[in-house]
Amino acid sequence: MFIVSRFSWLSDHHHNLFKGHVVTPAEWQHLRSWRRHLPDFTWTGVLLGYWPWVVYFTLIAVLLGLYHTVLVPRGAPVWPPRNLVTVVYQPFAITLFALALLMVFRTNSSYARWWEARTVWGQVFTVTRNLSRQAGAWIQAEKEAEFQMLVRWCAALGYILEAHITYNRDFGTELQALLRPEELKLLDSWEHQPNCAAEVLSSIVASAVDNAQLRAAMDEHIATYLHDVGACERIQRTCIPYCYTRHTSRFLVIWLTFLPFALWDICGWASPIVEAVIAFLLMGVENIGIQIEEPFHTLPMLSYCKVIAKNSLEVGRQRRGLKCFVADALKTELAFAATGKPHNGFELAKGHNGAQQPSKEYAEDPAVGRGNATGDLESGVPGP
């Protein structure tokens, strides 16, 4: 049991290396610098995912070396024969192109799935922000209860989708903090929880928004959310064709198994080291394709859910203050417009067609267009 638990820990540690996170500005700067090429110790964790195969390939090279060192001097036949070294080497040179092509296609297909999943989550960001924004603008103050309920459910959409595509029926503390117990009970009673959330949102919109066109605009975002849910389900439940994955893996294992026979005559006892390095690199490329094929394991979805909840709840907190600010700002604008002096300090004069035109004094200001204050635009000399 101890050995099994240790292997399980190694496997979990390896998988955790591929879990993504939100990239910070400091990390972007590091990725652009020359220091990104400096070695680190993450390769040891990556090796944990397929170290038995690296050991297997290296052991074959060691056994071949022992055969040539111990048995050949005692009369065992040399394998491969000296006159067939070139013949043995040629199949590896010929099949390397096919192997590389298979692995590139495999990795590209996995990356396309990963990027599609990230794009879908980007649409979920947009849907929740727009739905919250429209609710804040279009739901009247006398229906504050409906507005706050809609904002809470918008904040929960990310967590509901994340739980749905990871087959997690347990409500986390984040979701429990957003929804009331009776709402959680309703959500748990549905087999398809994102559909339940969409139904609740549609009901709130129907109750809180009287204008049919506004309701249709908000319902369009709810429909987009369900479209994104369907896209996530398609990615989660459909893998790259299994025969393609198996053939690539089978090709790689056979190729690396017989590679020591082509290396021995060239590298001698350096063959085990060369074999281990080549196996580590090629198995690593294949492993990347395997890990990112299921993108919801590698994307930082909980971080996305927190941002979605934060943005939606902020609309609920700021709505009253924002409406007061806009009302006061409009009063100020109207007051300045009545005097012909907008609050930016520039005077406007009526043009011949009745439109507001810049006054002669402002139009002739040498700091505008000729750059005395901001720099000479024609010469390119910066201003003071």
Foldseek 3Di string as FASTA:
>chain_A
DVVVVVLVVLQVLLLVVLAADDDDPVNVVCVPDPCVPPDDDVLVSPCSNPVVLLVVLLVLLVVLLCCVVPVVVVPDDDPPDPVCLVVLQVVLVVCVVVLVVLLVVLQVLLVVLLVVLVVLLVLLLVLLLVLLVLLLVAFDPVPLVLSLLLLLLSLCLLVLLLCQLVVNLDDDPVNPVSDDPVVNVQQSVDPRNLVVSLVSNLVSLVVGGDDPVSSVVSNVSSVSSVVSSVSSNCLSVDFDPPVSLVVSVVVLSVSLNSVSSSCCVPPPPCSSVVSSVVCSVSVSSSVSSVSSSNNSSHYPSVVSSNVSNVSSVVSSVCSVVVVVVVVVVVVQQVVCVVVQAGPVGFGWDQDPVRDTDGDPVVVPPCCPPCNQAQAGPVVRGGHD
